[in-house]
Amino acid sequence: MAAARDRGRTRRADRDRGNRRSPPGAPAVRRLGGPQPRAGGSGDPAAAAAAGPGPRLLAGGAALRIRDWASALAYAVVNWVADIACFAATAKAFDLRVSLATLAAIYLAVQIVRQVPLTPGGAGIVDTAFIAGLTAAGATAVSATAAVLAYRLLSTWLLIPVGGAAAVLRRYAIARAAAAGPRSAQARADRGAGRPESVSVS
C-alpha cells in the first residue's frame, strides 16, 4: 500500500511539473536539436522555385569536387586545341601563308567577338572576323573566305544535325526507360504475388 501511494505521488508531481512547463493552450515547442523547417529553405518547394536557377547553379557548382573542376578544365583545353588545329588545317589546305602563332592569335581574338550572341552560332559576325584577321595577316580575300567557310562548316554547321539527332535519341531513350520502369515494377510485383510461400519445417 505504501509503495502504491508513493508511485501515485510521483505521477502527480510529474504531471504538475509538466503543467507548469507547458500551460494549457500553449503551442508545442520543438525540442532543440531536432529538424526544424525554415521558410524559404530546401523544404519549401515553392520558395526554391521562386529563387530561380541562379542559386541552384551556384549550389551545384559548390558541390563539385576539385577533381570535377580539373576534369572540366582539361576537356575545355582539349576542345580549344582541337578547334585551333582544325582552323590551322583548313588554312593549310587552302595554302594560306600564315604562321601557326598568327592563326592562334586570330582564333583567340575571334573568341572575344563570339561572346556577343547577336546571331545564332555567330553566323556572319564570326566569319567576317576570321576573314578580316586572315587578310590582315597577308592572305588574299578569296583564299581567306574559302578557308573560313570550310572551317566553319566543319567546326559548327555540321555539328548541329549531329547534336540534334543525339538529343532526339537521348530523349527517346529517357522516355522508353520511364515507360519501362512501371511495367518492370508491376511484373516483379506479379511474380512476387504468384510465388508460393516457403514453409520452414523444424
N, C-alpha and C. Protein backbone atom coordinates (compact mmCIF):
# COMPACT_ATOMS: atom_id res chain seq x y z
N MET A 1 0.82 -1.20 0.00
CA MET A 1 0.00 0.00 0.00
C MET A 1 0.86 1.26 0.00
N ALA A 2 1.90 1.28 0.83
CA ALA A 2 2.77 2.46 0.89
C ALA A 2 3.47 2.68 -0.44
N ALA A 3 3.89 1.58 -1.07
CA ALA A 3 4.56 1.71 -2.36
C ALA A 3 3.63 2.27 -3.41
N ALA A 4 2.34 1.85 -3.39
CA ALA A 4 1.37 2.36 -4.36
C ALA A 4 1.13 3.84 -4.15
N ARG A 5 1.05 4.26 -2.85
CA ARG A 5 0.85 5.69 -2.59
C ARG A 5 2.04 6.50 -3.07
N ASP A 6 3.27 5.96 -2.88
CA ASP A 6 4.46 6.68 -3.34
C ASP A 6 4.47 6.84 -4.85
N ARG A 7 4.06 5.77 -5.57
CA ARG A 7 4.01 5.87 -7.02
C ARG A 7 2.97 6.88 -7.46
N GLY A 8 1.84 6.92 -6.77
CA GLY A 8 0.81 7.89 -7.12
C GLY A 8 1.28 9.32 -6.90
N ARG A 9 1.99 9.55 -5.76
CA ARG A 9 2.51 10.91 -5.52
C ARG A 9 3.52 11.30 -6.59
N THR A 10 4.38 10.33 -7.01
CA THR A 10 5.39 10.63 -8.04
C THR A 10 4.73 11.01 -9.35
N ARG A 11 3.65 10.28 -9.75
CA ARG A 11 2.96 10.60 -11.00
C ARG A 11 2.32 11.99 -10.93
N ARG A 12 1.70 12.30 -9.78
CA ARG A 12 1.07 13.62 -9.66
C ARG A 12 2.11 14.73 -9.70
N ALA A 13 3.28 14.50 -9.07
CA ALA A 13 4.33 15.52 -9.10
C ALA A 13 4.85 15.73 -10.51
N ASP A 14 5.02 14.62 -11.28
CA ASP A 14 5.48 14.76 -12.67
C ASP A 14 4.44 15.49 -13.51
N ARG A 15 3.14 15.20 -13.25
CA ARG A 15 2.08 15.86 -14.02
C ARG A 15 2.04 17.35 -13.71
N ASP A 16 2.25 17.70 -12.43
CA ASP A 16 2.24 19.12 -12.06
C ASP A 16 3.41 19.86 -12.70
N ARG A 17 4.59 19.23 -12.72
CA ARG A 17 5.74 19.87 -13.36
C ARG A 17 5.50 20.06 -14.86
N GLY A 18 4.88 19.08 -15.50
CA GLY A 18 4.58 19.21 -16.91
C GLY A 18 3.58 20.31 -17.18
N ASN A 19 2.60 20.46 -16.29
CA ASN A 19 1.63 21.54 -16.47
C ASN A 19 2.26 22.90 -16.32
N ARG A 20 3.25 22.99 -15.38
CA ARG A 20 3.92 24.28 -15.22
C ARG A 20 4.78 24.62 -16.41
N ARG A 21 5.40 23.61 -17.01
CA ARG A 21 6.26 23.88 -18.17
C ARG A 21 5.44 24.25 -19.39
N SER A 22 4.33 23.55 -19.61
CA SER A 22 3.51 23.80 -20.79
C SER A 22 2.10 24.14 -20.34
N PRO A 23 1.81 25.42 -20.16
CA PRO A 23 0.46 25.78 -19.74
C PRO A 23 -0.56 25.43 -20.81
N PRO A 24 -1.82 25.22 -20.39
CA PRO A 24 -2.86 24.85 -21.37
C PRO A 24 -2.99 25.92 -22.44
N GLY A 25 -3.13 25.47 -23.70
CA GLY A 25 -3.30 26.39 -24.81
C GLY A 25 -2.00 26.87 -25.43
N ALA A 26 -0.86 26.56 -24.79
CA ALA A 26 0.42 26.99 -25.35
C ALA A 26 0.79 26.10 -26.52
N PRO A 27 1.37 26.66 -27.57
CA PRO A 27 1.76 25.83 -28.72
C PRO A 27 2.91 24.91 -28.36
N ALA A 28 2.94 23.78 -29.02
CA ALA A 28 4.02 22.82 -28.77
C ALA A 28 5.32 23.36 -29.32
N VAL A 29 6.40 23.22 -28.53
CA VAL A 29 7.70 23.72 -28.92
C VAL A 29 8.55 22.53 -29.32
N ARG A 30 9.18 22.61 -30.50
CA ARG A 30 10.03 21.52 -30.97
C ARG A 30 11.31 21.49 -30.15
N ARG A 31 11.73 20.31 -29.79
CA ARG A 31 12.94 20.15 -28.99
C ARG A 31 14.15 20.64 -29.77
N LEU A 32 15.04 21.32 -29.01
CA LEU A 32 16.25 21.84 -29.65
C LEU A 32 17.08 20.70 -30.19
N GLY A 33 17.67 20.94 -31.36
CA GLY A 33 18.50 19.93 -32.00
C GLY A 33 17.75 19.09 -33.00
N GLY A 34 16.41 19.14 -33.02
CA GLY A 34 15.64 18.39 -33.99
C GLY A 34 15.54 19.15 -35.29
N PRO A 35 15.08 18.50 -36.35
CA PRO A 35 14.95 19.19 -37.64
C PRO A 35 13.82 20.19 -37.61
N GLN A 36 14.10 21.42 -37.89
CA GLN A 36 13.12 22.48 -37.89
C GLN A 36 13.07 23.09 -39.28
N PRO A 37 11.89 23.05 -39.93
CA PRO A 37 11.81 23.62 -41.28
C PRO A 37 11.95 25.12 -41.24
N ARG A 38 12.61 25.68 -42.24
CA ARG A 38 12.79 27.11 -42.34
C ARG A 38 12.05 27.61 -43.56
N ALA A 39 11.47 28.78 -43.44
CA ALA A 39 10.75 29.36 -44.56
C ALA A 39 11.73 29.71 -45.65
N GLY A 40 11.45 29.25 -46.86
CA GLY A 40 12.34 29.52 -47.97
C GLY A 40 13.51 28.57 -48.06
N GLY A 41 13.59 27.56 -47.17
CA GLY A 41 14.69 26.62 -47.21
C GLY A 41 14.44 25.53 -48.22
N SER A 42 15.22 24.46 -48.10
CA SER A 42 15.11 23.38 -49.06
C SER A 42 13.82 22.61 -48.89
N GLY A 43 13.17 22.73 -47.73
CA GLY A 43 11.92 22.04 -47.53
C GLY A 43 10.73 22.77 -48.10
N ASP A 44 10.92 23.93 -48.67
CA ASP A 44 9.83 24.72 -49.24
C ASP A 44 9.98 24.74 -50.75
N PRO A 45 9.29 23.85 -51.49
CA PRO A 45 9.50 23.80 -52.94
C PRO A 45 9.12 25.09 -53.64
N ALA A 46 8.04 25.76 -53.16
CA ALA A 46 7.61 27.00 -53.82
C ALA A 46 8.68 28.08 -53.71
N ALA A 47 9.28 28.20 -52.51
CA ALA A 47 10.33 29.20 -52.33
C ALA A 47 11.57 28.85 -53.13
N ALA A 48 11.89 27.55 -53.21
CA ALA A 48 13.06 27.14 -54.00
C ALA A 48 12.86 27.42 -55.49
N ALA A 49 11.61 27.22 -55.97
CA ALA A 49 11.34 27.51 -57.38
C ALA A 49 11.36 29.00 -57.65
N ALA A 50 10.88 29.80 -56.67
CA ALA A 50 10.88 31.25 -56.86
C ALA A 50 12.28 31.83 -56.82
N ALA A 51 13.22 31.10 -56.21
CA ALA A 51 14.59 31.63 -56.12
C ALA A 51 15.27 31.70 -57.47
N GLY A 52 14.78 30.94 -58.47
CA GLY A 52 15.36 31.00 -59.81
C GLY A 52 16.51 30.02 -59.97
N PRO A 53 17.03 29.90 -61.20
CA PRO A 53 18.10 28.93 -61.46
C PRO A 53 19.46 29.36 -60.93
N GLY A 54 19.65 30.66 -60.66
CA GLY A 54 20.96 31.12 -60.22
C GLY A 54 21.43 30.46 -58.94
N PRO A 55 20.64 30.51 -57.84
CA PRO A 55 21.09 29.84 -56.61
C PRO A 55 21.29 28.34 -56.78
N ARG A 56 20.45 27.70 -57.61
CA ARG A 56 20.63 26.26 -57.81
C ARG A 56 21.93 25.97 -58.55
N LEU A 57 22.28 26.80 -59.53
CA LEU A 57 23.55 26.61 -60.23
C LEU A 57 24.74 26.83 -59.32
N LEU A 58 24.63 27.87 -58.46
CA LEU A 58 25.73 28.12 -57.52
C LEU A 58 25.89 26.96 -56.55
N ALA A 59 24.74 26.44 -56.07
CA ALA A 59 24.82 25.31 -55.14
C ALA A 59 25.40 24.08 -55.82
N GLY A 60 25.02 23.85 -57.09
CA GLY A 60 25.59 22.72 -57.82
C GLY A 60 27.08 22.87 -58.06
N GLY A 61 27.53 24.10 -58.38
CA GLY A 61 28.96 24.32 -58.56
C GLY A 61 29.74 24.15 -57.27
N ALA A 62 29.15 24.60 -56.15
CA ALA A 62 29.84 24.44 -54.87
C ALA A 62 29.93 22.99 -54.46
N ALA A 63 28.98 22.15 -54.94
CA ALA A 63 29.01 20.73 -54.57
C ALA A 63 30.03 19.94 -55.37
N LEU A 64 30.56 20.52 -56.46
CA LEU A 64 31.55 19.80 -57.27
C LEU A 64 32.88 19.70 -56.52
N ARG A 65 33.57 18.60 -56.76
CA ARG A 65 34.87 18.41 -56.16
C ARG A 65 35.95 19.04 -57.04
N ILE A 66 37.13 19.21 -56.48
CA ILE A 66 38.25 19.79 -57.25
C ILE A 66 38.60 18.90 -58.43
N ARG A 67 38.45 17.61 -58.28
CA ARG A 67 38.72 16.69 -59.39
C ARG A 67 37.74 16.93 -60.54
N ASP A 68 36.48 17.25 -60.21
CA ASP A 68 35.50 17.54 -61.27
C ASP A 68 35.85 18.82 -62.01
N TRP A 69 36.27 19.87 -61.25
CA TRP A 69 36.67 21.11 -61.90
C TRP A 69 37.90 20.89 -62.79
N ALA A 70 38.85 20.10 -62.32
CA ALA A 70 40.06 19.83 -63.11
C ALA A 70 39.72 19.06 -64.38
N SER A 71 38.78 18.11 -64.28
CA SER A 71 38.38 17.35 -65.48
C SER A 71 37.69 18.26 -66.49
N ALA A 72 36.81 19.15 -66.01
CA ALA A 72 36.12 20.07 -66.91
C ALA A 72 37.11 21.00 -67.61
N LEU A 73 38.09 21.51 -66.85
CA LEU A 73 39.09 22.38 -67.45
C LEU A 73 39.94 21.64 -68.47
N ALA A 74 40.29 20.39 -68.18
CA ALA A 74 41.10 19.60 -69.12
C ALA A 74 40.33 19.36 -70.42
N TYR A 75 39.04 19.02 -70.30
CA TYR A 75 38.23 18.81 -71.51
C TYR A 75 38.10 20.10 -72.32
N ALA A 76 37.96 21.24 -71.63
CA ALA A 76 37.84 22.52 -72.33
C ALA A 76 39.13 22.84 -73.09
N VAL A 77 40.28 22.59 -72.46
CA VAL A 77 41.56 22.86 -73.13
C VAL A 77 41.72 21.95 -74.36
N VAL A 78 41.35 20.68 -74.21
CA VAL A 78 41.42 19.77 -75.36
C VAL A 78 40.52 20.25 -76.49
N ASN A 79 39.33 20.73 -76.15
CA ASN A 79 38.41 21.24 -77.17
C ASN A 79 39.00 22.45 -77.89
N TRP A 80 39.59 23.37 -77.15
CA TRP A 80 40.19 24.56 -77.77
C TRP A 80 41.37 24.19 -78.68
N VAL A 81 42.21 23.30 -78.20
CA VAL A 81 43.37 22.89 -79.01
C VAL A 81 42.91 22.20 -80.29
N ALA A 82 41.89 21.32 -80.19
CA ALA A 82 41.39 20.64 -81.38
C ALA A 82 40.76 21.63 -82.36
N ASP A 83 40.07 22.66 -81.82
CA ASP A 83 39.45 23.65 -82.70
C ASP A 83 40.50 24.48 -83.42
N ILE A 84 41.56 24.86 -82.71
CA ILE A 84 42.64 25.61 -83.36
C ILE A 84 43.33 24.74 -84.41
N ALA A 85 43.47 23.44 -84.11
CA ALA A 85 44.08 22.53 -85.09
C ALA A 85 43.22 22.42 -86.35
N CYS A 86 41.90 22.40 -86.19
CA CYS A 86 41.01 22.37 -87.34
C CYS A 86 41.15 23.65 -88.16
N PHE A 87 41.23 24.79 -87.47
CA PHE A 87 41.40 26.07 -88.17
C PHE A 87 42.73 26.10 -88.93
N ALA A 88 43.78 25.62 -88.30
CA ALA A 88 45.09 25.59 -88.97
C ALA A 88 45.11 24.63 -90.15
N ALA A 89 44.40 23.50 -90.01
CA ALA A 89 44.37 22.53 -91.11
C ALA A 89 43.64 23.09 -92.32
N THR A 90 42.54 23.79 -92.10
CA THR A 90 41.83 24.39 -93.24
C THR A 90 42.66 25.50 -93.89
N ALA A 91 43.35 26.28 -93.06
CA ALA A 91 44.23 27.31 -93.63
C ALA A 91 45.35 26.69 -94.45
N LYS A 92 45.89 25.57 -93.98
CA LYS A 92 46.95 24.88 -94.73
C LYS A 92 46.40 24.28 -96.01
N ALA A 93 45.16 23.77 -95.96
CA ALA A 93 44.57 23.15 -97.15
C ALA A 93 44.36 24.16 -98.27
N PHE A 94 44.09 25.41 -97.91
CA PHE A 94 43.88 26.44 -98.92
C PHE A 94 45.15 27.27 -99.15
N ASP A 95 46.27 26.76 -98.67
CA ASP A 95 47.60 27.33 -98.93
C ASP A 95 47.70 28.78 -98.48
N LEU A 96 47.24 29.03 -97.24
CA LEU A 96 47.37 30.37 -96.67
C LEU A 96 48.75 30.50 -96.03
N ARG A 97 49.49 31.50 -96.40
CA ARG A 97 50.84 31.70 -95.89
C ARG A 97 50.79 32.46 -94.57
N VAL A 98 50.22 31.81 -93.56
CA VAL A 98 50.08 32.42 -92.23
C VAL A 98 50.66 31.45 -91.22
N SER A 99 51.46 31.97 -90.31
CA SER A 99 52.11 31.11 -89.32
C SER A 99 51.09 30.59 -88.30
N LEU A 100 51.48 29.51 -87.63
CA LEU A 100 50.60 28.91 -86.63
C LEU A 100 50.35 29.86 -85.46
N ALA A 101 51.36 30.61 -85.05
CA ALA A 101 51.18 31.57 -83.97
C ALA A 101 50.18 32.66 -84.35
N THR A 102 50.26 33.12 -85.60
CA THR A 102 49.31 34.14 -86.06
C THR A 102 47.90 33.58 -86.13
N LEU A 103 47.77 32.34 -86.59
CA LEU A 103 46.45 31.70 -86.63
C LEU A 103 45.87 31.55 -85.22
N ALA A 104 46.71 31.18 -84.26
CA ALA A 104 46.23 31.07 -82.88
C ALA A 104 45.80 32.42 -82.33
N ALA A 105 46.56 33.49 -82.66
CA ALA A 105 46.19 34.82 -82.20
C ALA A 105 44.87 35.28 -82.82
N ILE A 106 44.67 34.98 -84.11
CA ILE A 106 43.41 35.32 -84.76
C ILE A 106 42.26 34.55 -84.13
N TYR A 107 42.48 33.27 -83.87
CA TYR A 107 41.44 32.43 -83.25
C TYR A 107 41.04 32.99 -81.88
N LEU A 108 42.02 33.33 -81.05
CA LEU A 108 41.71 33.84 -79.72
C LEU A 108 41.02 35.19 -79.78
N ALA A 109 41.39 36.04 -80.74
CA ALA A 109 40.73 37.34 -80.88
C ALA A 109 39.28 37.17 -81.31
N VAL A 110 39.02 36.21 -82.18
CA VAL A 110 37.64 35.98 -82.63
C VAL A 110 36.78 35.42 -81.51
N GLN A 111 37.39 34.69 -80.57
CA GLN A 111 36.60 34.17 -79.45
C GLN A 111 36.00 35.30 -78.61
N ILE A 112 36.67 36.43 -78.55
CA ILE A 112 36.10 37.58 -77.83
C ILE A 112 34.87 38.10 -78.57
N VAL A 113 34.96 38.15 -79.90
CA VAL A 113 33.81 38.59 -80.70
C VAL A 113 32.66 37.59 -80.57
N ARG A 114 32.99 36.31 -80.46
CA ARG A 114 31.96 35.27 -80.37
C ARG A 114 31.14 35.38 -79.09
N GLN A 115 31.66 36.03 -78.07
CA GLN A 115 30.93 36.13 -76.80
C GLN A 115 29.70 37.02 -76.91
N VAL A 116 29.58 37.80 -77.98
CA VAL A 116 28.41 38.66 -78.17
C VAL A 116 27.41 37.88 -79.03
N PRO A 117 26.34 37.34 -78.44
CA PRO A 117 25.44 36.45 -79.20
C PRO A 117 24.42 37.24 -80.02
N LEU A 118 24.90 37.90 -81.05
CA LEU A 118 23.98 38.69 -81.88
C LEU A 118 23.24 37.81 -82.88
N THR A 119 23.87 36.76 -83.39
CA THR A 119 23.25 35.85 -84.35
C THR A 119 23.47 34.41 -83.88
N PRO A 120 22.62 33.48 -84.32
CA PRO A 120 22.80 32.07 -83.93
C PRO A 120 24.14 31.53 -84.42
N GLY A 121 24.93 31.04 -83.49
CA GLY A 121 26.24 30.49 -83.84
C GLY A 121 27.23 31.52 -84.32
N GLY A 122 26.91 32.81 -84.13
CA GLY A 122 27.80 33.85 -84.63
C GLY A 122 27.85 33.93 -86.14
N ALA A 123 26.77 33.50 -86.80
CA ALA A 123 26.75 33.48 -88.27
C ALA A 123 26.95 34.89 -88.81
N GLY A 124 27.86 35.02 -89.73
CA GLY A 124 28.14 36.31 -90.34
C GLY A 124 29.17 37.12 -89.58
N ILE A 125 28.99 37.24 -88.27
CA ILE A 125 29.89 38.06 -87.46
C ILE A 125 31.23 37.35 -87.26
N VAL A 126 31.18 36.09 -86.83
CA VAL A 126 32.41 35.33 -86.62
C VAL A 126 33.13 35.10 -87.94
N ASP A 127 32.37 34.81 -88.99
CA ASP A 127 33.01 34.58 -90.29
C ASP A 127 33.73 35.84 -90.77
N THR A 128 33.07 37.00 -90.62
CA THR A 128 33.70 38.25 -91.05
C THR A 128 34.95 38.55 -90.23
N ALA A 129 34.90 38.25 -88.92
CA ALA A 129 36.06 38.50 -88.07
C ALA A 129 37.23 37.60 -88.47
N PHE A 130 36.96 36.34 -88.78
CA PHE A 130 38.02 35.43 -89.23
C PHE A 130 38.63 35.91 -90.55
N ILE A 131 37.77 36.29 -91.49
CA ILE A 131 38.27 36.73 -92.80
C ILE A 131 39.10 38.00 -92.66
N ALA A 132 38.62 38.93 -91.81
CA ALA A 132 39.38 40.16 -91.60
C ALA A 132 40.74 39.88 -90.97
N GLY A 133 40.79 38.95 -90.03
CA GLY A 133 42.06 38.61 -89.40
C GLY A 133 43.03 37.97 -90.37
N LEU A 134 42.53 37.08 -91.21
CA LEU A 134 43.41 36.40 -92.17
C LEU A 134 43.91 37.36 -93.25
N THR A 135 43.04 38.22 -93.75
CA THR A 135 43.50 39.18 -94.76
C THR A 135 44.49 40.18 -94.17
N ALA A 136 44.28 40.55 -92.89
CA ALA A 136 45.24 41.43 -92.24
C ALA A 136 46.59 40.75 -92.06
N ALA A 137 46.58 39.40 -91.97
CA ALA A 137 47.84 38.65 -91.82
C ALA A 137 48.52 38.40 -93.15
N GLY A 138 47.91 38.82 -94.26
CA GLY A 138 48.58 38.68 -95.55
C GLY A 138 47.91 37.75 -96.53
N ALA A 139 46.81 37.08 -96.15
CA ALA A 139 46.13 36.17 -97.07
C ALA A 139 45.25 36.97 -98.02
N THR A 140 44.98 36.39 -99.19
CA THR A 140 44.07 37.04 -100.13
C THR A 140 42.63 36.88 -99.66
N ALA A 141 41.76 37.75 -100.11
CA ALA A 141 40.37 37.72 -99.65
C ALA A 141 39.67 36.44 -100.09
N VAL A 142 39.95 35.98 -101.32
CA VAL A 142 39.30 34.77 -101.83
C VAL A 142 39.75 33.54 -101.03
N SER A 143 41.05 33.39 -100.83
CA SER A 143 41.56 32.24 -100.08
C SER A 143 41.10 32.27 -98.62
N ALA A 144 41.10 33.45 -98.03
CA ALA A 144 40.66 33.57 -96.63
C ALA A 144 39.19 33.23 -96.50
N THR A 145 38.36 33.69 -97.44
CA THR A 145 36.93 33.38 -97.38
C THR A 145 36.69 31.89 -97.54
N ALA A 146 37.37 31.25 -98.49
CA ALA A 146 37.20 29.81 -98.70
C ALA A 146 37.65 29.02 -97.48
N ALA A 147 38.77 29.40 -96.88
CA ALA A 147 39.26 28.68 -95.70
C ALA A 147 38.31 28.85 -94.52
N VAL A 148 37.79 30.06 -94.33
CA VAL A 148 36.89 30.31 -93.20
C VAL A 148 35.58 29.55 -93.39
N LEU A 149 35.03 29.54 -94.60
CA LEU A 149 33.79 28.81 -94.84
C LEU A 149 33.97 27.31 -94.60
N ALA A 150 35.11 26.77 -95.03
CA ALA A 150 35.37 25.35 -94.80
C ALA A 150 35.53 25.06 -93.31
N TYR A 151 36.26 25.92 -92.61
CA TYR A 151 36.45 25.73 -91.18
C TYR A 151 35.13 25.81 -90.43
N ARG A 152 34.30 26.79 -90.76
CA ARG A 152 33.03 26.95 -90.06
C ARG A 152 32.09 25.79 -90.37
N LEU A 153 32.17 25.26 -91.58
CA LEU A 153 31.34 24.11 -91.92
C LEU A 153 31.73 22.89 -91.10
N LEU A 154 33.02 22.68 -90.95
CA LEU A 154 33.49 21.51 -90.19
C LEU A 154 33.29 21.66 -88.69
N SER A 155 33.52 22.87 -88.16
CA SER A 155 33.54 23.05 -86.71
C SER A 155 32.19 23.44 -86.13
N THR A 156 31.25 23.92 -86.95
CA THR A 156 29.99 24.42 -86.40
C THR A 156 28.78 23.81 -87.08
N TRP A 157 28.65 24.04 -88.39
CA TRP A 157 27.38 23.74 -89.04
C TRP A 157 27.14 22.25 -89.20
N LEU A 158 28.18 21.45 -89.42
CA LEU A 158 27.97 20.00 -89.50
C LEU A 158 27.66 19.38 -88.15
N LEU A 159 28.00 20.06 -87.06
CA LEU A 159 27.73 19.52 -85.73
C LEU A 159 26.28 19.71 -85.30
N ILE A 160 25.58 20.65 -85.92
CA ILE A 160 24.20 20.93 -85.50
C ILE A 160 23.28 19.74 -85.76
N PRO A 161 23.25 19.16 -86.99
CA PRO A 161 22.38 17.98 -87.17
C PRO A 161 22.81 16.78 -86.33
N VAL A 162 24.12 16.63 -86.13
CA VAL A 162 24.58 15.52 -85.29
C VAL A 162 24.10 15.71 -83.85
N GLY A 163 24.23 16.94 -83.32
CA GLY A 163 23.75 17.20 -81.97
C GLY A 163 22.24 17.07 -81.86
N GLY A 164 21.51 17.51 -82.90
CA GLY A 164 20.06 17.35 -82.88
C GLY A 164 19.64 15.90 -82.86
N ALA A 165 20.30 15.08 -83.68
CA ALA A 165 19.98 13.65 -83.69
C ALA A 165 20.31 13.01 -82.34
N ALA A 166 21.43 13.40 -81.73
CA ALA A 166 21.79 12.85 -80.42
C ALA A 166 20.77 13.25 -79.36
N ALA A 167 20.28 14.50 -79.42
CA ALA A 167 19.28 14.95 -78.45
C ALA A 167 17.97 14.18 -78.60
N VAL A 168 17.56 13.93 -79.86
CA VAL A 168 16.32 13.17 -80.09
C VAL A 168 16.47 11.74 -79.59
N LEU A 169 17.60 11.11 -79.86
CA LEU A 169 17.81 9.73 -79.40
C LEU A 169 17.86 9.66 -77.88
N ARG A 170 18.47 10.65 -77.25
CA ARG A 170 18.53 10.65 -75.78
C ARG A 170 17.15 10.83 -75.18
N ARG A 171 16.37 11.73 -75.76
CA ARG A 171 15.01 11.92 -75.24
C ARG A 171 14.17 10.66 -75.43
N TYR A 172 14.36 9.98 -76.56
CA TYR A 172 13.63 8.73 -76.78
C TYR A 172 14.04 7.66 -75.78
N ALA A 173 15.35 7.59 -75.49
CA ALA A 173 15.82 6.59 -74.52
C ALA A 173 15.29 6.88 -73.12
N ILE A 174 15.24 8.17 -72.74
CA ILE A 174 14.72 8.52 -71.41
C ILE A 174 13.24 8.18 -71.31
N ALA A 175 12.47 8.51 -72.36
CA ALA A 175 11.05 8.20 -72.34
C ALA A 175 10.80 6.69 -72.31
N ARG A 176 11.63 5.94 -73.03
CA ARG A 176 11.47 4.49 -73.04
C ARG A 176 11.80 3.88 -71.68
N ALA A 177 12.86 4.41 -71.03
CA ALA A 177 13.21 3.91 -69.69
C ALA A 177 12.14 4.26 -68.68
N ALA A 178 11.56 5.47 -68.79
CA ALA A 178 10.50 5.86 -67.86
C ALA A 178 9.26 5.01 -68.06
N ALA A 179 8.95 4.64 -69.31
CA ALA A 179 7.79 3.79 -69.55
C ALA A 179 8.03 2.35 -69.12
N ALA A 180 9.28 1.89 -69.23
CA ALA A 180 9.59 0.51 -68.84
C ALA A 180 9.68 0.34 -67.34
N GLY A 181 9.91 1.43 -66.60
CA GLY A 181 10.03 1.33 -65.14
C GLY A 181 8.77 0.80 -64.48
N PRO A 182 7.61 1.43 -64.69
CA PRO A 182 6.38 0.91 -64.06
C PRO A 182 6.04 -0.51 -64.50
N ARG A 183 6.30 -0.85 -65.79
CA ARG A 183 5.98 -2.20 -66.24
C ARG A 183 6.85 -3.24 -65.55
N SER A 184 8.15 -2.93 -65.39
CA SER A 184 9.02 -3.90 -64.72
C SER A 184 8.67 -4.03 -63.25
N ALA A 185 8.28 -2.91 -62.62
CA ALA A 185 7.88 -2.98 -61.21
C ALA A 185 6.61 -3.80 -61.05
N GLN A 186 5.65 -3.63 -62.01
CA GLN A 186 4.42 -4.41 -61.94
C GLN A 186 4.70 -5.89 -62.18
N ALA A 187 5.63 -6.18 -63.11
CA ALA A 187 5.97 -7.58 -63.36
C ALA A 187 6.61 -8.22 -62.14
N ARG A 188 7.48 -7.49 -61.46
CA ARG A 188 8.08 -8.05 -60.24
C ARG A 188 7.03 -8.27 -59.16
N ALA A 189 6.07 -7.33 -59.06
CA ALA A 189 5.02 -7.50 -58.07
C ALA A 189 4.15 -8.70 -58.39
N ASP A 190 3.87 -8.91 -59.71
CA ASP A 190 3.07 -10.07 -60.10
C ASP A 190 3.81 -11.37 -59.82
N ARG A 191 5.11 -11.39 -60.09
CA ARG A 191 5.87 -12.60 -59.79
C ARG A 191 5.91 -12.86 -58.29
N GLY A 192 6.04 -11.79 -57.50
CA GLY A 192 6.06 -11.98 -56.06
C GLY A 192 4.73 -12.46 -55.52
N ALA A 193 3.61 -12.00 -56.15
CA ALA A 193 2.30 -12.42 -55.68
C ALA A 193 2.01 -13.88 -56.04
N GLY A 194 2.55 -14.32 -57.18
CA GLY A 194 2.29 -15.69 -57.59
C GLY A 194 3.25 -16.71 -57.03
N ARG A 195 4.28 -16.26 -56.30
CA ARG A 195 5.28 -17.17 -55.75
C ARG A 195 4.73 -17.81 -54.48
N PRO A 196 4.75 -19.13 -54.35
CA PRO A 196 4.24 -19.76 -53.11
C PRO A 196 5.15 -19.45 -51.94
N GLU A 197 4.51 -19.31 -50.79
CA GLU A 197 5.27 -19.01 -49.58
C GLU A 197 6.05 -20.25 -49.13
N SER A 198 7.26 -20.02 -48.70
CA SER A 198 8.10 -21.13 -48.23
C SER A 198 7.73 -21.48 -46.82
N VAL A 199 7.65 -22.75 -46.57
CA VAL A 199 7.28 -23.24 -45.23
C VAL A 199 8.49 -23.90 -44.63
N SER A 200 8.89 -23.40 -43.50
CA SER A 200 10.07 -23.97 -42.83
C SER A 200 9.63 -25.09 -41.91
N VAL A 201 10.30 -26.22 -42.02
CA VAL A 201 10.00 -27.38 -41.18
C VAL A 201 11.11 -27.51 -40.16
N SER A 202 10.73 -27.42 -38.91
CA SER A 202 11.74 -27.52 -37.85
C SER A 202 11.89 -28.96 -37.43
